[in-house]
Amino acid sequence: MATLEKRRHEVPYGAHVWEVDEFDGPNAPLVVAEVELSAIDEAFEHLPWLGEEVSENPAYSNSALVQHPHSTWSNA
């Protein structure tokens, strides 16, 4: 069974703590940042280096990244 190689960092920013995953192995150099909100319309400060919103993209789920690593994507 394949596994993901990643390091998770907790990054306080504004009023929230972001979970930032840095992927290694076949998913390097992918970095994914996540913040938990109490409501879908809750305001929050964006980390200055944030890129594309991928919350609804199933390709970024852990199980998908195991089966189809980021390095194999044609636009990676």
PDB file of N, CA and C in Angstrom:
ATOM      1  N   MET A   1       0.827  -1.179   0.000  1.00  0.00           N
ATOM      2  CA  MET A   1       0.000   0.000   0.000  1.00  0.00           C
ATOM      3  C   MET A   1       0.880   1.254   0.000  1.00  0.00           C
ATOM      4  N   ALA A   2       0.628   2.149  -0.922  1.00  0.00           N
ATOM      5  CA  ALA A   2       1.389   3.385  -1.017  1.00  0.00           C
ATOM      6  C   ALA A   2       0.985   4.351   0.096  1.00  0.00           C
ATOM      7  N   THR A   3       1.916   5.193   0.487  1.00  0.00           N
ATOM      8  CA  THR A   3       1.635   6.198   1.507  1.00  0.00           C
ATOM      9  C   THR A   3       2.082   7.567   1.011  1.00  0.00           C
ATOM     10  N   LEU A   4       1.564   8.587   1.646  1.00  0.00           N
ATOM     11  CA  LEU A   4       1.975   9.955   1.348  1.00  0.00           C
ATOM     12  C   LEU A   4       3.159  10.333   2.219  1.00  0.00           C
ATOM     13  N   GLU A   5       4.069  11.066   1.636  1.00  0.00           N
ATOM     14  CA  GLU A   5       5.189  11.617   2.387  1.00  0.00           C
ATOM     15  C   GLU A   5       4.948  13.114   2.479  1.00  0.00           C
ATOM     16  N   LYS A   6       4.730  13.598   3.716  1.00  0.00           N
ATOM     17  CA  LYS A   6       4.510  15.028   3.884  1.00  0.00           C
ATOM     18  C   LYS A   6       4.876  15.456   5.289  1.00  0.00           C
ATOM     19  N   ARG A   7       5.152  16.747   5.403  1.00  0.00           N
ATOM     20  CA  ARG A   7       5.403  17.358   6.700  1.00  0.00           C
ATOM     21  C   ARG A   7       4.296  18.378   6.927  1.00  0.00           C
ATOM     22  N   ARG A   8       3.695  18.356   8.102  1.00  0.00           N
ATOM     23  CA  ARG A   8       2.616  19.287   8.438  1.00  0.00           C
ATOM     24  C   ARG A   8       3.151  20.345   9.397  1.00  0.00           C
ATOM     25  N   HIS A   9       2.807  21.576   9.094  1.00  0.00           N
ATOM     26  CA  HIS A   9       3.186  22.704   9.932  1.00  0.00           C
ATOM     27  C   HIS A   9       1.913  23.424  10.354  1.00  0.00           C
ATOM     28  N   GLU A  10       1.852  23.863  11.588  1.00  0.00           N
ATOM     29  CA  GLU A  10       0.762  24.709  12.050  1.00  0.00           C
ATOM     30  C   GLU A  10       1.268  26.141  12.007  1.00  0.00           C
ATOM     31  N   VAL A  11       0.562  26.976  11.246  1.00  0.00           N
ATOM     32  CA  VAL A  11       1.007  28.343  11.006  1.00  0.00           C
ATOM     33  C   VAL A  11      -0.058  29.321  11.500  1.00  0.00           C
ATOM     34  N   PRO A  12       0.175  29.974  12.641  1.00  0.00           N
ATOM     35  CA  PRO A  12      -0.767  30.990  13.095  1.00  0.00           C
ATOM     36  C   PRO A  12      -0.721  32.189  12.148  1.00  0.00           C
ATOM     37  N   TYR A  13      -1.887  32.655  11.721  1.00  0.00           N
ATOM     38  CA  TYR A  13      -1.945  33.821  10.850  1.00  0.00           C
ATOM     39  C   TYR A  13      -3.290  34.498  11.064  1.00  0.00           C
ATOM     40  N   GLY A  14      -3.261  35.756  11.448  1.00  0.00           N
ATOM     41  CA  GLY A  14      -4.497  36.444  11.791  1.00  0.00           C
ATOM     42  C   GLY A  14      -5.130  35.764  12.991  1.00  0.00           C
ATOM     43  N   ALA A  15      -6.429  35.530  12.922  1.00  0.00           N
ATOM     44  CA  ALA A  15      -7.163  34.914  14.025  1.00  0.00           C
ATOM     45  C   ALA A  15      -7.245  33.394  13.915  1.00  0.00           C
ATOM     46  N   HIS A  16      -6.558  32.800  12.940  1.00  0.00           N
ATOM     47  CA  HIS A  16      -6.670  31.362  12.691  1.00  0.00           C
ATOM     48  C   HIS A  16      -5.304  30.675  12.708  1.00  0.00           C
ATOM     49  N   VAL A  17      -5.341  29.371  12.775  1.00  0.00           N
ATOM     50  CA  VAL A  17      -4.138  28.561  12.625  1.00  0.00           C
ATOM     51  C   VAL A  17      -4.313  27.714  11.379  1.00  0.00           C
ATOM     52  N   TRP A  18      -3.426  27.881  10.432  1.00  0.00           N
ATOM     53  CA  TRP A  18      -3.449  27.134   9.176  1.00  0.00           C
ATOM     54  C   TRP A  18      -2.667  25.838   9.342  1.00  0.00           C
ATOM     55  N   GLU A  19      -3.126  24.783   8.698  1.00  0.00           N
ATOM     56  CA  GLU A  19      -2.358  23.542   8.590  1.00  0.00           C
ATOM     57  C   GLU A  19      -1.752  23.544   7.191  1.00  0.00           C
ATOM     58  N   VAL A  20      -0.430  23.545   7.136  1.00  0.00           N
ATOM     59  CA  VAL A  20       0.279  23.605   5.865  1.00  0.00           C
ATOM     60  C   VAL A  20       1.026  22.292   5.679  1.00  0.00           C
ATOM     61  N   ASP A  21       0.693  21.575   4.607  1.00  0.00           N
ATOM     62  CA  ASP A  21       1.341  20.302   4.290  1.00  0.00           C
ATOM     63  C   ASP A  21       2.327  20.509   3.152  1.00  0.00           C
ATOM     64  N   GLU A  22       3.585  20.135   3.394  1.00  0.00           N
ATOM     65  CA  GLU A  22       4.628  20.131   2.366  1.00  0.00           C
ATOM     66  C   GLU A  22       4.847  18.680   1.965  1.00  0.00           C
ATOM     67  N   PHE A  23       4.591  18.369   0.723  1.00  0.00           N
ATOM     68  CA  PHE A  23       4.692  16.999   0.253  1.00  0.00           C
ATOM     69  C   PHE A  23       6.096  16.682  -0.229  1.00  0.00           C
ATOM     70  N   ASP A  24       6.528  15.453   0.008  1.00  0.00           N
ATOM     71  CA  ASP A  24       7.798  14.925  -0.465  1.00  0.00           C
ATOM     72  C   ASP A  24       7.516  13.796  -1.445  1.00  0.00           C
ATOM     73  N   GLY A  25       8.551  13.153  -1.905  1.00  0.00           N
ATOM     74  CA  GLY A  25       8.385  12.012  -2.804  1.00  0.00           C
ATOM     75  C   GLY A  25       7.714  12.424  -4.098  1.00  0.00           C
ATOM     76  N   PRO A  26       6.834  11.581  -4.627  1.00  0.00           N
ATOM     77  CA  PRO A  26       6.220  11.840  -5.923  1.00  0.00           C
ATOM     78  C   PRO A  26       5.281  13.045  -5.945  1.00  0.00           C
ATOM     79  N   ASN A  27       4.918  13.574  -4.782  1.00  0.00           N
ATOM     80  CA  ASN A  27       4.041  14.738  -4.749  1.00  0.00           C
ATOM     81  C   ASN A  27       4.795  16.053  -4.532  1.00  0.00           C
ATOM     82  N   ALA A  28       6.120  15.987  -4.370  1.00  0.00           N
ATOM     83  CA  ALA A  28       6.918  17.203  -4.222  1.00  0.00           C
ATOM     84  C   ALA A  28       6.893  17.959  -5.544  1.00  0.00           C
ATOM     85  N   PRO A  29       6.890  19.235  -5.537  1.00  0.00           N
ATOM     86  CA  PRO A  29       6.987  20.181  -4.426  1.00  0.00           C
ATOM     87  C   PRO A  29       5.631  20.745  -3.990  1.00  0.00           C
ATOM     88  N   LEU A  30       4.586  19.958  -4.072  1.00  0.00           N
ATOM     89  CA  LEU A  30       3.233  20.420  -3.737  1.00  0.00           C
ATOM     90  C   LEU A  30       3.167  20.877  -2.280  1.00  0.00           C
ATOM     91  N   VAL A  31       2.520  22.022  -2.067  1.00  0.00           N
ATOM     92  CA  VAL A  31       2.236  22.546  -0.733  1.00  0.00           C
ATOM     93  C   VAL A  31       0.746  22.880  -0.693  1.00  0.00           C
ATOM     94  N   VAL A  32       0.058  22.380   0.328  1.00  0.00           N
ATOM     95  CA  VAL A  32      -1.376  22.612   0.481  1.00  0.00           C
ATOM     96  C   VAL A  32      -1.608  23.236   1.854  1.00  0.00           C
ATOM     97  N   ALA A  33      -2.387  24.320   1.883  1.00  0.00           N
ATOM     98  CA  ALA A  33      -2.706  25.001   3.140  1.00  0.00           C
ATOM     99  C   ALA A  33      -4.202  24.906   3.387  1.00  0.00           C
ATOM    100  N   GLU A  34      -4.558  24.684   4.641  1.00  0.00           N
ATOM    101  CA  GLU A  34      -5.967  24.507   5.013  1.00  0.00           C
ATOM    102  C   GLU A  34      -6.238  25.271   6.298  1.00  0.00           C
ATOM    103  N   VAL A  35      -7.412  25.883   6.348  1.00  0.00           N
ATOM    104  CA  VAL A  35      -7.827  26.579   7.562  1.00  0.00           C
ATOM    105  C   VAL A  35      -9.251  26.140   7.888  1.00  0.00           C
ATOM    106  N   GLU A  36      -9.514  25.900   9.169  1.00  0.00           N
ATOM    107  CA  GLU A  36     -10.856  25.516   9.614  1.00  0.00           C
ATOM    108  C   GLU A  36     -11.629  26.776   9.978  1.00  0.00           C
ATOM    109  N   LEU A  37     -12.808  26.906   9.410  1.00  0.00           N
ATOM    110  CA  LEU A  37     -13.670  28.048   9.691  1.00  0.00           C
ATOM    111  C   LEU A  37     -14.908  27.574  10.432  1.00  0.00           C
ATOM    112  N   SER A  38     -15.491  28.451  11.234  1.00  0.00           N
ATOM    113  CA  SER A  38     -16.701  28.075  11.971  1.00  0.00           C
ATOM    114  C   SER A  38     -17.958  28.257  11.129  1.00  0.00           C
ATOM    115  N   ALA A  39     -17.849  28.996  10.026  1.00  0.00           N
ATOM    116  CA  ALA A  39     -18.981  29.194   9.116  1.00  0.00           C
ATOM    117  C   ALA A  39     -18.435  29.401   7.710  1.00  0.00           C
ATOM    118  N   ILE A  40     -19.188  29.009   6.706  1.00  0.00           N
ATOM    119  CA  ILE A  40     -18.721  29.089   5.327  1.00  0.00           C
ATOM    120  C   ILE A  40     -18.425  30.525   4.897  1.00  0.00           C
ATOM    121  N   ASP A  41     -19.100  31.490   5.517  1.00  0.00           N
ATOM    122  CA  ASP A  41     -18.889  32.884   5.153  1.00  0.00           C
ATOM    123  C   ASP A  41     -18.006  33.641   6.156  1.00  0.00           C
ATOM    124  N   GLU A  42     -17.331  32.899   7.037  1.00  0.00           N
ATOM    125  CA  GLU A  42     -16.441  33.533   8.014  1.00  0.00           C
ATOM    126  C   GLU A  42     -15.268  34.211   7.301  1.00  0.00           C
ATOM    127  N   ALA A  43     -14.999  35.442   7.678  1.00  0.00           N
ATOM    128  CA  ALA A  43     -13.858  36.165   7.108  1.00  0.00           C
ATOM    129  C   ALA A  43     -12.558  35.623   7.706  1.00  0.00           C
ATOM    130  N   PHE A  44     -11.508  35.603   6.894  1.00  0.00           N
ATOM    131  CA  PHE A  44     -10.200  35.182   7.383  1.00  0.00           C
ATOM    132  C   PHE A  44      -9.112  35.842   6.547  1.00  0.00           C
ATOM    133  N   GLU A  45      -7.941  35.960   7.147  1.00  0.00           N
ATOM    134  CA  GLU A  45      -6.802  36.541   6.450  1.00  0.00           C
ATOM    135  C   GLU A  45      -6.103  35.445   5.652  1.00  0.00           C
ATOM    136  N   HIS A  46      -5.837  35.755   4.391  1.00  0.00           N
ATOM    137  CA  HIS A  46      -5.154  34.795   3.508  1.00  0.00           C
ATOM    138  C   HIS A  46      -3.644  34.894   3.689  1.00  0.00           C
ATOM    139  N   LEU A  47      -3.004  33.746   3.775  1.00  0.00           N
ATOM    140  CA  LEU A  47      -1.548  33.737   3.776  1.00  0.00           C
ATOM    141  C   LEU A  47      -1.071  34.424   2.496  1.00  0.00           C
ATOM    142  N   PRO A  48      -0.026  35.235   2.561  1.00  0.00           N
ATOM    143  CA  PRO A  48       0.378  36.027   1.399  1.00  0.00           C
ATOM    144  C   PRO A  48       0.774  35.186   0.177  1.00  0.00           C
ATOM    145  N   TRP A  49       1.194  33.966   0.365  1.00  0.00           N
ATOM    146  CA  TRP A  49       1.678  33.136  -0.742  1.00  0.00           C
ATOM    147  C   TRP A  49       0.632  32.159  -1.272  1.00  0.00           C
ATOM    148  N   LEU A  50      -0.608  32.254  -0.778  1.00  0.00           N
ATOM    149  CA  LEU A  50      -1.646  31.321  -1.236  1.00  0.00           C
ATOM    150  C   LEU A  50      -1.861  31.419  -2.738  1.00  0.00           C
ATOM    151  N   GLY A  51      -2.130  30.288  -3.340  1.00  0.00           N
ATOM    152  CA  GLY A  51      -2.429  30.227  -4.764  1.00  0.00           C
ATOM    153  C   GLY A  51      -3.881  29.862  -4.983  1.00  0.00           C
ATOM    154  N   GLU A  52      -4.085  28.952  -5.888  1.00  0.00           N
ATOM    155  CA  GLU A  52      -5.415  28.518  -6.320  1.00  0.00           C
ATOM    156  C   GLU A  52      -6.201  27.856  -5.191  1.00  0.00           C
ATOM    157  N   GLU A  53      -7.490  28.123  -5.131  1.00  0.00           N
ATOM    158  CA  GLU A  53      -8.414  27.461  -4.195  1.00  0.00           C
ATOM    159  C   GLU A  53      -8.705  26.063  -4.726  1.00  0.00           C
ATOM    160  N   VAL A  54      -8.416  25.016  -3.933  1.00  0.00           N
ATOM    161  CA  VAL A  54      -8.596  23.639  -4.404  1.00  0.00           C
ATOM    162  C   VAL A  54      -9.497  22.816  -3.489  1.00  0.00           C
ATOM    163  N   SER A  55     -10.211  23.476  -2.586  1.00  0.00           N
ATOM    164  CA  SER A  55     -11.038  22.750  -1.611  1.00  0.00           C
ATOM    165  C   SER A  55     -12.006  21.767  -2.257  1.00  0.00           C
ATOM    166  N   GLU A  56     -12.582  22.136  -3.372  1.00  0.00           N
ATOM    167  CA  GLU A  56     -13.582  21.287  -4.024  1.00  0.00           C
ATOM    168  C   GLU A  56     -12.989  20.391  -5.112  1.00  0.00           C
ATOM    169  N   ASN A  57     -11.673  20.400  -5.264  1.00  0.00           N
ATOM    170  CA  ASN A  57     -11.018  19.597  -6.303  1.00  0.00           C
ATOM    171  C   ASN A  57     -10.586  18.258  -5.712  1.00  0.00           C
ATOM    172  N   PRO A  58     -11.241  17.163  -6.097  1.00  0.00           N
ATOM    173  CA  PRO A  58     -10.922  15.855  -5.510  1.00  0.00           C
ATOM    174  C   PRO A  58      -9.512  15.366  -5.824  1.00  0.00           C
ATOM    175  N   ALA A  59      -8.851  15.925  -6.801  1.00  0.00           N
ATOM    176  CA  ALA A  59      -7.487  15.506  -7.144  1.00  0.00           C
ATOM    177  C   ALA A  59      -6.499  15.801  -6.015  1.00  0.00           C
ATOM    178  N   TYR A  60      -6.848  16.728  -5.125  1.00  0.00           N
ATOM    179  CA  TYR A  60      -5.958  17.098  -4.030  1.00  0.00           C
ATOM    180  C   TYR A  60      -6.223  16.320  -2.751  1.00  0.00           C
ATOM    181  N   SER A  61      -7.151  15.391  -2.764  1.00  0.00           N
ATOM    182  CA  SER A  61      -7.385  14.578  -1.564  1.00  0.00           C
ATOM    183  C   SER A  61      -6.201  13.642  -1.356  1.00  0.00           C
ATOM    184  N   ASN A  62      -5.972  13.249  -0.124  1.00  0.00           N
ATOM    185  CA  ASN A  62      -4.852  12.352   0.167  1.00  0.00           C
ATOM    186  C   ASN A  62      -4.945  11.057  -0.632  1.00  0.00           C
ATOM    187  N   SER A  63      -6.140  10.475  -0.705  1.00  0.00           N
ATOM    188  CA  SER A  63      -6.275   9.200  -1.424  1.00  0.00           C
ATOM    189  C   SER A  63      -5.992   9.376  -2.915  1.00  0.00           C
ATOM    190  N   ALA A  64      -6.403  10.495  -3.488  1.00  0.00           N
ATOM    191  CA  ALA A  64      -6.127  10.739  -4.910  1.00  0.00           C
ATOM    192  C   ALA A  64      -4.637  10.970  -5.144  1.00  0.00           C
ATOM    193  N   LEU A  65      -3.981  11.682  -4.231  1.00  0.00           N
ATOM    194  CA  LEU A  65      -2.551  11.954  -4.397  1.00  0.00           C
ATOM    195  C   LEU A  65      -1.704  10.682  -4.283  1.00  0.00           C
ATOM    196  N   VAL A  66      -2.177   9.700  -3.543  1.00  0.00           N
ATOM    197  CA  VAL A  66      -1.475   8.418  -3.480  1.00  0.00           C
ATOM    198  C   VAL A  66      -1.567   7.710  -4.835  1.00  0.00           C
ATOM    199  N   GLN A  67      -2.759   7.710  -5.419  1.00  0.00           N
ATOM    200  CA  GLN A  67      -2.973   6.992  -6.689  1.00  0.00           C
ATOM    201  C   GLN A  67      -2.432   7.750  -7.897  1.00  0.00           C
ATOM    202  N   HIS A  68      -2.522   9.065  -7.865  1.00  0.00           N
ATOM    203  CA  HIS A  68      -2.088   9.911  -8.988  1.00  0.00           C
ATOM    204  C   HIS A  68      -1.259  11.067  -8.440  1.00  0.00           C
ATOM    205  N   PRO A  69       0.032  10.819  -8.156  1.00  0.00           N
ATOM    206  CA  PRO A  69       0.883  11.851  -7.555  1.00  0.00           C
ATOM    207  C   PRO A  69       0.963  13.118  -8.408  1.00  0.00           C
ATOM    208  N   HIS A  70       1.147  14.210  -7.725  1.00  0.00           N
ATOM    209  CA  HIS A  70       1.225  15.520  -8.354  1.00  0.00           C
ATOM    210  C   HIS A  70       2.277  15.565  -9.471  1.00  0.00           C
ATOM    211  N   SER A  71       3.377  14.877  -9.295  1.00  0.00           N
ATOM    212  CA  SER A  71       4.449  14.899 -10.299  1.00  0.00           C
ATOM    213  C   SER A  71       4.037  14.269 -11.618  1.00  0.00           C
ATOM    214  N   THR A  72       2.941  13.505 -11.634  1.00  0.00           N
ATOM    215  CA  THR A  72       2.503  12.865 -12.879  1.00  0.00           C
ATOM    216  C   THR A  72       1.444  13.692 -13.621  1.00  0.00           C
ATOM    217  N   TRP A  73       1.010  14.788 -13.009  1.00  0.00           N
ATOM    218  CA  TRP A  73       0.010  15.628 -13.653  1.00  0.00           C
ATOM    219  C   TRP A  73       0.661  16.359 -14.822  1.00  0.00           C
ATOM    220  N   SER A  74      -0.051  16.511 -15.893  1.00  0.00           N
ATOM    221  CA  SER A  74       0.520  17.160 -17.071  1.00  0.00           C
ATOM    222  C   SER A  74       0.816  18.642 -16.852  1.00  0.00           C
ATOM    223  N   ASN A  75       0.106  19.282 -15.909  1.00  0.00           N
ATOM    224  CA  ASN A  75       0.357  20.700 -15.641  1.00  0.00           C
ATOM    225  C   ASN A  75       1.143  20.924 -14.369  1.00  0.00           C
ATOM    226  N   ALA A  76       1.733  19.860 -13.814  1.00  0.00           N
ATOM    227  CA  ALA A  76       2.491  19.990 -12.546  1.00  0.00           C
ATOM    228  C   ALA A  76       3.796  20.709 -12.769  1.00  0.00           C
TER     229      ALA A  76
END
